[in-house]
């Protein structure tokens, strides 16, 4: 009996190794399939980098930030003066340019629908997006009317609008102001 047990053991071990290899292949295939499926789910998820448009009525937070359906959105490639910031006219009068920038954007949008194309997230977790009122790019409008600076670090697209607003003395260009980045660093 001993010889048949040994033969049985060898056959059993052989079958066991074969089944283990087959199980390993199945597990590897299953893991790979799960990884592919997860990648596909994330690619079409609205929380992915290429998220769907955000459309709706916007609330203005400040001169370069709006909110739609609870999502904070930073307008692409512009930097508006801070809400608490003041500017000075050329004749020395101080005025609340930060609040005026927010009011101007709010008046421009009114109760109309805004459509935003998400591009990224900023360090504060806000969605960075190109936002439109009809066909009008809100970043371009803000810069063209002197309520925000073109942020060339992210795009030079709005520099012509900034040059024109500056030459016409519109908005913050009607006097002097501190760069919004410097105000944020100081506070």
N, C-alpha and C. Protein backbone atom coordinates (compact mmCIF):
# COMPACT_ATOMS: atom_id res chain seq x y z
N UNK A 1 0.80 -1.21 0.00
CA UNK A 1 0.00 0.00 0.00
C UNK A 1 0.83 1.25 0.00
N UNK A 2 1.96 1.10 0.56
CA UNK A 2 2.80 2.26 0.62
C UNK A 2 3.13 2.81 -0.76
N UNK A 3 3.49 1.94 -1.73
CA UNK A 3 3.77 2.46 -3.05
C UNK A 3 2.57 3.15 -3.68
N UNK A 4 1.37 2.64 -3.50
CA UNK A 4 0.23 3.32 -4.10
C UNK A 4 -0.05 4.66 -3.43
N UNK A 5 0.22 4.78 -2.15
CA UNK A 5 0.04 6.05 -1.45
C UNK A 5 1.03 7.07 -1.99
N UNK A 6 2.25 6.60 -2.21
CA UNK A 6 3.26 7.53 -2.75
C UNK A 6 2.84 8.00 -4.13
N UNK A 7 2.37 7.09 -4.95
CA UNK A 7 1.91 7.48 -6.27
C UNK A 7 0.74 8.42 -6.15
N UNK A 8 -0.18 8.12 -5.24
CA UNK A 8 -1.31 9.01 -5.02
C UNK A 8 -0.87 10.37 -4.54
N UNK A 9 0.12 10.42 -3.69
CA UNK A 9 0.62 11.71 -3.19
C UNK A 9 1.22 12.52 -4.32
N UNK A 10 2.00 11.84 -5.18
CA UNK A 10 2.62 12.56 -6.29
C UNK A 10 1.55 13.12 -7.23
N UNK A 11 0.54 12.32 -7.53
CA UNK A 11 -0.55 12.76 -8.39
C UNK A 11 -1.31 13.89 -7.73
N UNK A 12 -1.56 13.74 -6.44
CA UNK A 12 -2.27 14.79 -5.69
C UNK A 12 -1.50 16.10 -5.68
N UNK A 13 -0.18 15.99 -5.46
CA UNK A 13 0.65 17.20 -5.47
C UNK A 13 0.66 17.84 -6.86
N UNK A 14 0.74 16.99 -7.88
CA UNK A 14 0.73 17.51 -9.25
C UNK A 14 -0.58 18.24 -9.53
N UNK A 15 -1.69 17.61 -9.16
CA UNK A 15 -2.99 18.24 -9.35
C UNK A 15 -3.08 19.52 -8.53
N UNK A 16 -2.58 19.49 -7.33
CA UNK A 16 -2.62 20.65 -6.45
C UNK A 16 -1.84 21.82 -7.06
N UNK A 17 -0.65 21.55 -7.59
CA UNK A 17 0.16 22.60 -8.22
C UNK A 17 -0.55 23.15 -9.45
N UNK A 18 -1.15 22.25 -10.23
CA UNK A 18 -1.89 22.66 -11.42
C UNK A 18 -3.06 23.55 -11.05
N UNK A 19 -3.81 23.15 -10.05
CA UNK A 19 -4.95 23.95 -9.61
C UNK A 19 -4.49 25.29 -9.04
N UNK A 20 -3.38 25.31 -8.32
CA UNK A 20 -2.85 26.57 -7.79
C UNK A 20 -2.47 27.53 -8.91
N UNK A 21 -1.82 26.99 -9.96
CA UNK A 21 -1.45 27.83 -11.09
C UNK A 21 -2.71 28.38 -11.77
N UNK A 22 -3.70 27.54 -11.93
CA UNK A 22 -4.95 27.95 -12.54
C UNK A 22 -5.64 29.00 -11.67
N UNK A 23 -5.68 28.78 -10.38
CA UNK A 23 -6.27 29.75 -9.45
C UNK A 23 -5.53 31.08 -9.51
N UNK A 24 -4.21 31.04 -9.57
CA UNK A 24 -3.42 32.27 -9.65
C UNK A 24 -3.76 33.02 -10.95
N UNK A 25 -3.88 32.29 -12.04
CA UNK A 25 -4.22 32.94 -13.32
C UNK A 25 -5.60 33.57 -13.26
N UNK A 26 -6.55 32.84 -12.63
CA UNK A 26 -7.90 33.39 -12.50
C UNK A 26 -7.90 34.64 -11.62
N UNK A 27 -7.17 34.59 -10.52
CA UNK A 27 -7.10 35.76 -9.62
C UNK A 27 -6.46 36.95 -10.32
N UNK A 28 -5.39 36.69 -11.07
CA UNK A 28 -4.72 37.76 -11.80
C UNK A 28 -5.66 38.37 -12.84
N UNK A 29 -6.37 37.51 -13.58
CA UNK A 29 -7.33 38.00 -14.56
C UNK A 29 -8.43 38.81 -13.88
N UNK A 30 -8.94 38.33 -12.76
CA UNK A 30 -9.99 39.02 -12.02
C UNK A 30 -9.50 40.40 -11.55
N UNK A 31 -8.30 40.44 -10.98
CA UNK A 31 -7.74 41.74 -10.53
C UNK A 31 -7.58 42.71 -11.68
N UNK A 32 -7.05 42.21 -12.79
CA UNK A 32 -6.87 43.06 -13.97
C UNK A 32 -8.22 43.58 -14.47
N UNK A 33 -9.22 42.70 -14.52
CA UNK A 33 -10.56 43.10 -14.96
C UNK A 33 -11.15 44.16 -14.04
N UNK A 34 -10.96 43.99 -12.73
CA UNK A 34 -11.46 44.99 -11.77
C UNK A 34 -10.77 46.33 -11.97
N UNK A 35 -9.47 46.30 -12.20
CA UNK A 35 -8.72 47.55 -12.41
C UNK A 35 -9.21 48.27 -13.66
N UNK A 36 -9.44 47.52 -14.72
CA UNK A 36 -9.96 48.12 -15.97
C UNK A 36 -11.35 48.70 -15.73
N UNK A 37 -12.21 47.97 -15.06
CA UNK A 37 -13.57 48.44 -14.78
C UNK A 37 -13.54 49.70 -13.92
N UNK A 38 -12.70 49.72 -12.90
CA UNK A 38 -12.59 50.90 -12.04
C UNK A 38 -12.11 52.11 -12.83
N UNK A 39 -11.13 51.91 -13.70
CA UNK A 39 -10.63 53.00 -14.54
C UNK A 39 -11.74 53.56 -15.42
N UNK A 40 -12.54 52.68 -16.01
CA UNK A 40 -13.65 53.14 -16.85
C UNK A 40 -14.69 53.90 -16.05
N UNK A 41 -15.02 53.43 -14.85
CA UNK A 41 -15.99 54.12 -14.01
C UNK A 41 -15.48 55.50 -13.64
N UNK A 42 -14.22 55.60 -13.26
CA UNK A 42 -13.65 56.90 -12.88
C UNK A 42 -13.58 57.85 -14.07
N UNK A 43 -13.33 57.31 -15.25
CA UNK A 43 -13.23 58.16 -16.44
C UNK A 43 -14.55 58.84 -16.77
N UNK A 44 -15.66 58.20 -16.50
CA UNK A 44 -16.95 58.79 -16.83
C UNK A 44 -17.62 59.42 -15.61
N UNK A 45 -16.99 59.37 -14.47
CA UNK A 45 -17.55 59.95 -13.25
C UNK A 45 -17.56 61.47 -13.32
N UNK A 46 -18.61 62.14 -12.80
CA UNK A 46 -18.64 63.60 -12.82
C UNK A 46 -17.60 64.21 -11.90
N UNK A 47 -16.96 63.39 -11.07
CA UNK A 47 -15.93 63.91 -10.18
C UNK A 47 -14.54 63.72 -10.76
N UNK A 48 -14.44 63.24 -11.99
CA UNK A 48 -13.14 63.06 -12.61
C UNK A 48 -12.63 64.41 -13.09
N UNK A 49 -11.36 64.43 -13.52
CA UNK A 49 -10.73 65.67 -13.95
C UNK A 49 -11.48 66.32 -15.10
N UNK A 50 -12.03 65.48 -15.99
CA UNK A 50 -12.78 66.01 -17.13
C UNK A 50 -14.27 65.98 -16.77
N UNK A 51 -14.63 66.69 -15.73
CA UNK A 51 -16.00 66.67 -15.24
C UNK A 51 -16.95 67.35 -16.21
N UNK A 52 -18.23 67.02 -16.04
CA UNK A 52 -19.27 67.61 -16.87
C UNK A 52 -19.40 69.10 -16.57
N UNK A 53 -20.03 69.80 -17.50
CA UNK A 53 -20.30 71.22 -17.28
C UNK A 53 -21.16 71.41 -16.04
N UNK A 54 -20.94 72.53 -15.38
CA UNK A 54 -21.77 72.92 -14.24
C UNK A 54 -22.64 74.06 -14.75
N UNK A 55 -23.94 73.88 -14.67
CA UNK A 55 -24.87 74.84 -15.24
C UNK A 55 -25.92 75.21 -14.20
N UNK A 56 -26.20 76.50 -14.10
CA UNK A 56 -27.25 76.93 -13.18
C UNK A 56 -27.14 78.40 -12.82
N UNK A 57 -27.96 78.78 -11.88
CA UNK A 57 -27.95 80.15 -11.38
C UNK A 57 -26.76 80.30 -10.43
N UNK A 58 -25.99 81.35 -10.62
CA UNK A 58 -24.76 81.54 -9.85
C UNK A 58 -24.94 82.59 -8.76
N UNK A 59 -24.32 82.31 -7.63
CA UNK A 59 -24.19 83.30 -6.56
C UNK A 59 -22.75 83.79 -6.61
N UNK A 60 -22.55 85.09 -6.52
CA UNK A 60 -21.20 85.64 -6.56
C UNK A 60 -20.64 85.67 -5.15
N UNK A 61 -19.47 85.09 -4.98
CA UNK A 61 -18.78 85.06 -3.70
C UNK A 61 -17.85 86.26 -3.60
N UNK A 62 -17.07 86.48 -4.65
CA UNK A 62 -16.23 87.68 -4.76
C UNK A 62 -15.96 87.91 -6.24
N UNK A 63 -15.05 88.79 -6.56
CA UNK A 63 -14.84 89.19 -7.95
C UNK A 63 -14.36 88.12 -8.89
N UNK A 64 -13.86 87.00 -8.36
CA UNK A 64 -13.40 85.93 -9.24
C UNK A 64 -13.90 84.54 -8.81
N UNK A 65 -14.90 84.52 -7.93
CA UNK A 65 -15.43 83.24 -7.45
C UNK A 65 -16.96 83.28 -7.43
N UNK A 66 -17.55 82.22 -7.98
CA UNK A 66 -19.00 82.08 -7.96
C UNK A 66 -19.34 80.71 -7.36
N UNK A 67 -20.61 80.50 -7.12
CA UNK A 67 -21.07 79.21 -6.63
C UNK A 67 -22.33 78.81 -7.39
N UNK A 68 -22.34 77.57 -7.87
CA UNK A 68 -23.50 77.02 -8.57
C UNK A 68 -23.80 75.66 -7.95
N UNK A 69 -25.03 75.49 -7.48
CA UNK A 69 -25.46 74.22 -6.87
C UNK A 69 -24.49 73.74 -5.79
N UNK A 70 -23.98 74.67 -4.99
CA UNK A 70 -23.09 74.29 -3.89
C UNK A 70 -21.64 74.08 -4.28
N UNK A 71 -21.32 74.25 -5.55
CA UNK A 71 -19.94 74.08 -6.02
C UNK A 71 -19.28 75.44 -6.16
N UNK A 72 -18.18 75.66 -5.42
CA UNK A 72 -17.42 76.91 -5.54
C UNK A 72 -16.56 76.83 -6.79
N UNK A 73 -16.62 77.89 -7.58
CA UNK A 73 -15.94 77.91 -8.87
C UNK A 73 -15.07 79.16 -8.97
N UNK A 74 -13.78 78.96 -9.18
CA UNK A 74 -12.84 80.05 -9.40
C UNK A 74 -12.78 80.29 -10.90
N UNK A 75 -13.02 81.54 -11.32
CA UNK A 75 -12.98 81.87 -12.74
C UNK A 75 -11.56 81.72 -13.27
N UNK A 76 -11.44 81.10 -14.40
CA UNK A 76 -10.17 80.77 -15.02
C UNK A 76 -9.31 81.99 -15.34
N UNK A 77 -8.05 81.93 -14.95
CA UNK A 77 -6.97 82.84 -15.37
C UNK A 77 -7.17 84.31 -15.05
N UNK A 78 -7.95 84.60 -13.99
CA UNK A 78 -8.07 86.00 -13.55
C UNK A 78 -7.84 86.08 -12.05
N UNK A 79 -7.51 87.28 -11.59
CA UNK A 79 -7.33 87.51 -10.16
C UNK A 79 -7.98 88.86 -9.84
N UNK A 80 -9.11 88.80 -9.17
CA UNK A 80 -9.83 90.02 -8.80
C UNK A 80 -9.29 90.55 -7.47
N UNK A 81 -9.49 91.83 -7.25
CA UNK A 81 -9.12 92.39 -5.95
C UNK A 81 -9.95 91.70 -4.88
N UNK A 82 -9.40 91.58 -3.69
CA UNK A 82 -10.07 90.90 -2.59
C UNK A 82 -11.29 91.69 -2.13
N UNK A 83 -12.30 91.00 -1.65
CA UNK A 83 -13.55 91.65 -1.22
C UNK A 83 -13.32 92.74 -0.19
N UNK A 84 -12.38 92.54 0.71
CA UNK A 84 -12.10 93.52 1.77
C UNK A 84 -11.12 94.61 1.33
N UNK A 85 -10.68 94.55 0.09
CA UNK A 85 -9.65 95.45 -0.41
C UNK A 85 -10.21 96.80 -0.84
N UNK A 86 -9.42 97.84 -0.58
CA UNK A 86 -9.77 99.19 -1.04
C UNK A 86 -8.77 99.63 -2.09
N UNK A 87 -9.20 100.53 -2.94
CA UNK A 87 -8.35 101.14 -3.95
C UNK A 87 -8.37 102.64 -3.72
N UNK A 88 -7.50 103.35 -4.40
CA UNK A 88 -7.43 104.80 -4.26
C UNK A 88 -7.55 105.44 -5.64
N UNK A 89 -8.42 106.43 -5.75
CA UNK A 89 -8.55 107.15 -7.03
C UNK A 89 -7.32 108.02 -7.21
N UNK A 90 -7.12 108.53 -8.42
CA UNK A 90 -5.96 109.37 -8.68
C UNK A 90 -5.97 110.66 -7.87
N UNK A 91 -7.16 111.09 -7.42
CA UNK A 91 -7.22 112.30 -6.59
C UNK A 91 -7.18 111.96 -5.08
N UNK A 92 -6.84 110.69 -4.73
CA UNK A 92 -6.61 110.33 -3.34
C UNK A 92 -7.79 109.78 -2.56
N UNK A 93 -8.93 109.59 -3.18
CA UNK A 93 -10.11 109.06 -2.49
C UNK A 93 -10.05 107.52 -2.44
N UNK A 94 -10.29 106.98 -1.24
CA UNK A 94 -10.33 105.52 -1.10
C UNK A 94 -11.75 105.03 -1.40
N UNK A 95 -11.85 103.89 -2.05
CA UNK A 95 -13.14 103.30 -2.35
C UNK A 95 -13.06 101.77 -2.25
N UNK A 96 -14.16 101.12 -1.91
CA UNK A 96 -14.16 99.66 -1.69
C UNK A 96 -14.18 98.88 -3.00
N UNK A 97 -13.05 98.88 -3.69
CA UNK A 97 -13.00 98.27 -5.02
C UNK A 97 -13.27 96.76 -5.00
N UNK A 98 -12.89 96.07 -3.92
CA UNK A 98 -13.16 94.63 -3.83
C UNK A 98 -14.64 94.32 -3.82
N UNK A 99 -15.38 95.08 -3.02
CA UNK A 99 -16.84 94.89 -2.99
C UNK A 99 -17.46 95.29 -4.32
N UNK A 100 -16.96 96.38 -4.90
CA UNK A 100 -17.49 96.85 -6.20
C UNK A 100 -17.26 95.82 -7.30
N UNK A 101 -16.10 95.13 -7.26
CA UNK A 101 -15.82 94.09 -8.26
C UNK A 101 -16.84 92.96 -8.13
N UNK A 102 -17.14 92.55 -6.89
CA UNK A 102 -18.13 91.48 -6.67
C UNK A 102 -19.52 91.94 -7.10
N UNK A 103 -19.88 93.18 -6.75
CA UNK A 103 -21.20 93.71 -7.15
C UNK A 103 -21.33 93.80 -8.66
N UNK A 104 -20.25 94.22 -9.33
CA UNK A 104 -20.30 94.34 -10.79
C UNK A 104 -20.51 92.98 -11.44
N UNK A 105 -19.81 91.96 -10.95
CA UNK A 105 -19.99 90.61 -11.49
C UNK A 105 -21.41 90.11 -11.21
N UNK A 106 -21.90 90.36 -10.02
CA UNK A 106 -23.25 89.95 -9.65
C UNK A 106 -24.29 90.64 -10.53
N UNK A 107 -24.12 91.94 -10.75
CA UNK A 107 -25.04 92.68 -11.63
C UNK A 107 -25.00 92.15 -13.06
N UNK A 108 -23.80 91.81 -13.53
CA UNK A 108 -23.66 91.29 -14.88
C UNK A 108 -24.39 89.96 -15.04
N UNK A 109 -24.25 89.09 -14.05
CA UNK A 109 -24.89 87.77 -14.13
C UNK A 109 -26.39 87.86 -13.87
N UNK A 110 -26.77 88.64 -12.87
CA UNK A 110 -28.19 88.74 -12.51
C UNK A 110 -28.75 87.38 -12.15
N UNK A 111 -29.91 87.06 -12.67
CA UNK A 111 -30.53 85.75 -12.37
C UNK A 111 -30.42 84.80 -13.56
N UNK A 112 -29.57 85.16 -14.52
CA UNK A 112 -29.42 84.33 -15.72
C UNK A 112 -28.58 83.07 -15.43
N UNK A 113 -28.69 82.12 -16.30
CA UNK A 113 -27.98 80.85 -16.17
C UNK A 113 -26.52 81.00 -16.60
N UNK A 114 -25.63 80.46 -15.77
CA UNK A 114 -24.20 80.45 -16.07
C UNK A 114 -23.80 79.02 -16.38
N UNK A 115 -22.94 78.88 -17.37
CA UNK A 115 -22.44 77.56 -17.78
C UNK A 115 -20.93 77.54 -17.60
N UNK A 116 -20.43 76.58 -16.81
CA UNK A 116 -18.99 76.51 -16.51
C UNK A 116 -18.40 75.19 -16.99
N UNK A 117 -17.23 75.29 -17.60
CA UNK A 117 -16.49 74.12 -18.07
C UNK A 117 -15.31 73.89 -17.13
N UNK A 118 -15.40 72.92 -16.22
CA UNK A 118 -14.32 72.67 -15.26
C UNK A 118 -13.01 72.31 -15.95
N UNK A 119 -11.92 72.86 -15.40
CA UNK A 119 -10.59 72.60 -15.95
C UNK A 119 -9.67 71.95 -14.93
N UNK A 120 -9.85 72.34 -13.66
CA UNK A 120 -8.89 71.92 -12.63
C UNK A 120 -9.49 72.21 -11.26
N UNK A 121 -8.69 72.00 -10.22
CA UNK A 121 -9.04 72.40 -8.86
C UNK A 121 -7.89 73.25 -8.34
N UNK A 122 -8.23 74.28 -7.55
CA UNK A 122 -7.17 75.10 -6.96
C UNK A 122 -6.79 74.55 -5.59
N UNK A 123 -5.83 75.19 -4.95
CA UNK A 123 -5.33 74.67 -3.67
C UNK A 123 -6.35 74.75 -2.55
N UNK A 124 -7.43 75.50 -2.75
CA UNK A 124 -8.50 75.58 -1.76
C UNK A 124 -9.63 74.59 -2.05
N UNK A 125 -9.47 73.78 -3.07
CA UNK A 125 -10.47 72.78 -3.42
C UNK A 125 -11.57 73.28 -4.34
N UNK A 126 -11.47 74.55 -4.76
CA UNK A 126 -12.50 75.08 -5.67
C UNK A 126 -12.25 74.55 -7.08
N UNK A 127 -13.34 74.41 -7.82
CA UNK A 127 -13.24 74.05 -9.22
C UNK A 127 -12.77 75.28 -9.98
N UNK A 128 -11.77 75.14 -10.82
CA UNK A 128 -11.33 76.22 -11.70
C UNK A 128 -12.00 75.96 -13.04
N UNK A 129 -12.69 76.97 -13.57
CA UNK A 129 -13.47 76.73 -14.79
C UNK A 129 -13.58 77.99 -15.65
N UNK A 130 -13.81 77.73 -16.93
CA UNK A 130 -14.20 78.79 -17.85
C UNK A 130 -15.72 78.88 -17.72
N UNK A 131 -16.21 80.06 -17.39
CA UNK A 131 -17.65 80.22 -17.18
C UNK A 131 -18.21 81.22 -18.19
N UNK A 132 -19.40 80.92 -18.65
CA UNK A 132 -20.03 81.72 -19.69
C UNK A 132 -21.45 82.12 -19.31
N UNK A 133 -21.79 83.31 -19.74
CA UNK A 133 -23.14 83.83 -19.65
C UNK A 133 -23.56 83.93 -21.11
N UNK A 134 -24.32 82.96 -21.59
CA UNK A 134 -24.55 82.86 -23.04
C UNK A 134 -23.21 82.52 -23.67
N UNK A 135 -22.78 83.36 -24.62
CA UNK A 135 -21.48 83.17 -25.27
C UNK A 135 -20.38 84.02 -24.64
N UNK A 136 -20.74 84.82 -23.65
CA UNK A 136 -19.79 85.75 -23.03
C UNK A 136 -18.95 85.07 -21.95
N UNK A 137 -17.63 85.09 -22.13
CA UNK A 137 -16.68 84.54 -21.18
C UNK A 137 -16.61 85.49 -19.98
N UNK A 138 -16.99 85.02 -18.80
CA UNK A 138 -17.03 85.90 -17.62
C UNK A 138 -15.64 86.39 -17.20
N UNK A 139 -14.62 85.59 -17.41
CA UNK A 139 -13.25 86.04 -17.09
C UNK A 139 -12.87 87.21 -18.00
N UNK A 140 -13.14 87.07 -19.28
CA UNK A 140 -12.83 88.14 -20.24
C UNK A 140 -13.62 89.40 -19.89
N UNK A 141 -14.89 89.24 -19.53
CA UNK A 141 -15.72 90.39 -19.18
C UNK A 141 -15.15 91.11 -17.95
N UNK A 142 -14.78 90.36 -16.92
CA UNK A 142 -14.25 90.96 -15.69
C UNK A 142 -12.97 91.74 -15.95
N UNK A 143 -12.09 91.19 -16.74
CA UNK A 143 -10.83 91.87 -17.05
C UNK A 143 -11.08 93.08 -17.94
N UNK A 144 -11.92 92.93 -18.96
CA UNK A 144 -12.22 94.02 -19.90
C UNK A 144 -12.87 95.22 -19.21
N UNK A 145 -13.59 94.96 -18.12
CA UNK A 145 -14.25 96.05 -17.40
C UNK A 145 -13.44 96.57 -16.21
N UNK A 146 -12.24 96.07 -16.08
CA UNK A 146 -11.34 96.56 -15.04
C UNK A 146 -11.62 96.03 -13.65
N UNK A 147 -12.32 94.91 -13.51
CA UNK A 147 -12.64 94.36 -12.20
C UNK A 147 -11.71 93.23 -11.77
N UNK A 148 -10.85 92.80 -12.67
CA UNK A 148 -9.90 91.73 -12.36
C UNK A 148 -8.65 91.88 -13.22
N UNK A 149 -7.59 91.29 -12.74
CA UNK A 149 -6.34 91.26 -13.49
C UNK A 149 -6.27 89.97 -14.30
N UNK A 150 -5.67 90.05 -15.48
CA UNK A 150 -5.39 88.83 -16.23
C UNK A 150 -4.26 88.12 -15.49
N UNK A 151 -4.42 86.85 -15.22
CA UNK A 151 -3.40 86.10 -14.48
C UNK A 151 -2.56 85.34 -15.49
N UNK A 152 -1.52 86.01 -15.99
CA UNK A 152 -0.68 85.48 -17.07
C UNK A 152 0.03 84.19 -16.67
N UNK A 153 0.15 83.93 -15.38
CA UNK A 153 0.76 82.68 -14.92
C UNK A 153 -0.02 81.48 -15.46
N UNK A 154 -1.35 81.65 -15.65
CA UNK A 154 -2.20 80.57 -16.12
C UNK A 154 -2.60 80.70 -17.58
N UNK A 155 -2.65 81.94 -18.07
CA UNK A 155 -2.99 82.15 -19.48
C UNK A 155 -2.74 83.63 -19.83
N UNK A 156 -2.27 83.86 -21.04
CA UNK A 156 -2.06 85.24 -21.51
C UNK A 156 -3.27 85.71 -22.33
N UNK A 157 -4.27 84.89 -22.41
CA UNK A 157 -5.45 85.13 -23.23
C UNK A 157 -6.13 86.48 -22.93
N UNK A 158 -6.14 86.90 -21.67
CA UNK A 158 -6.90 88.09 -21.29
C UNK A 158 -6.04 89.35 -21.19
N UNK A 159 -4.79 89.27 -21.56
CA UNK A 159 -3.92 90.45 -21.48
C UNK A 159 -4.38 91.60 -22.39
N UNK A 160 -4.88 91.34 -23.61
CA UNK A 160 -5.37 92.46 -24.43
C UNK A 160 -6.54 93.21 -23.76
N UNK A 161 -7.45 92.48 -23.13
CA UNK A 161 -8.58 93.12 -22.43
C UNK A 161 -8.05 93.97 -21.26
N UNK A 162 -7.04 93.44 -20.57
CA UNK A 162 -6.46 94.19 -19.46
C UNK A 162 -5.80 95.48 -19.93
N UNK A 163 -5.05 95.40 -21.02
CA UNK A 163 -4.40 96.60 -21.56
C UNK A 163 -5.42 97.66 -21.94
N UNK A 164 -6.52 97.24 -22.53
CA UNK A 164 -7.56 98.19 -22.93
C UNK A 164 -8.23 98.81 -21.71
N UNK A 165 -8.59 97.99 -20.71
CA UNK A 165 -9.22 98.51 -19.49
C UNK A 165 -8.29 99.50 -18.79
N UNK A 166 -7.02 99.18 -18.77
CA UNK A 166 -6.03 100.06 -18.13
C UNK A 166 -5.93 101.38 -18.87
N UNK A 167 -5.88 101.33 -20.19
CA UNK A 167 -5.77 102.56 -20.98
C UNK A 167 -7.02 103.44 -20.86
N UNK A 168 -8.18 102.81 -20.62
CA UNK A 168 -9.43 103.56 -20.46
C UNK A 168 -9.71 103.96 -19.00
N UNK A 169 -8.87 103.48 -18.08
CA UNK A 169 -9.06 103.80 -16.65
C UNK A 169 -10.34 103.19 -16.07
N UNK A 170 -10.66 101.96 -16.48
CA UNK A 170 -11.89 101.31 -16.01
C UNK A 170 -11.66 100.57 -14.69
N UNK A 171 -12.69 100.53 -13.85
CA UNK A 171 -12.65 99.76 -12.62
C UNK A 171 -11.45 100.09 -11.75
N UNK A 172 -10.68 99.07 -11.41
CA UNK A 172 -9.52 99.28 -10.53
C UNK A 172 -8.44 100.13 -11.18
N UNK A 173 -8.48 100.26 -12.49
CA UNK A 173 -7.50 101.07 -13.21
C UNK A 173 -7.81 102.56 -13.14
N UNK A 174 -8.88 102.94 -12.42
CA UNK A 174 -9.22 104.36 -12.28
C UNK A 174 -8.37 105.03 -11.21
N UNK A 175 -7.42 104.34 -10.71
CA UNK A 175 -6.51 104.88 -9.68
C UNK A 175 -5.43 103.87 -9.39
N UNK A 176 -5.11 103.71 -8.11
CA UNK A 176 -4.06 102.77 -7.72
C UNK A 176 -4.67 101.69 -6.83
N UNK A 177 -4.02 100.54 -6.84
CA UNK A 177 -4.47 99.42 -6.03
C UNK A 177 -3.28 98.52 -5.75
N UNK A 178 -3.42 97.74 -4.70
CA UNK A 178 -2.38 96.78 -4.36
C UNK A 178 -2.72 95.46 -5.05
N UNK A 179 -1.68 94.80 -5.53
CA UNK A 179 -1.88 93.51 -6.19
C UNK A 179 -2.60 92.56 -5.23
N UNK A 180 -3.68 91.90 -5.69
CA UNK A 180 -4.44 91.01 -4.82
C UNK A 180 -3.58 89.90 -4.18
N UNK A 181 -2.57 89.43 -4.89
CA UNK A 181 -1.69 88.40 -4.33
C UNK A 181 -0.96 88.92 -3.09
N UNK A 182 -0.51 90.16 -3.15
CA UNK A 182 0.19 90.77 -2.00
C UNK A 182 -0.76 90.92 -0.82
N UNK A 183 -2.01 91.27 -1.09
CA UNK A 183 -3.01 91.42 -0.02
C UNK A 183 -3.25 90.06 0.65
N UNK A 184 -3.36 89.00 -0.16
CA UNK A 184 -3.59 87.66 0.41
C UNK A 184 -2.39 87.21 1.24
N UNK A 185 -1.18 87.46 0.76
CA UNK A 185 0.01 87.06 1.51
C UNK A 185 0.11 87.77 2.85
N UNK A 186 -0.26 89.03 2.87
CA UNK A 186 -0.16 89.84 4.08
C UNK A 186 -1.22 89.43 5.11
N UNK A 187 -2.37 88.99 4.66
CA UNK A 187 -3.45 88.64 5.60
C UNK A 187 -3.57 87.19 5.81
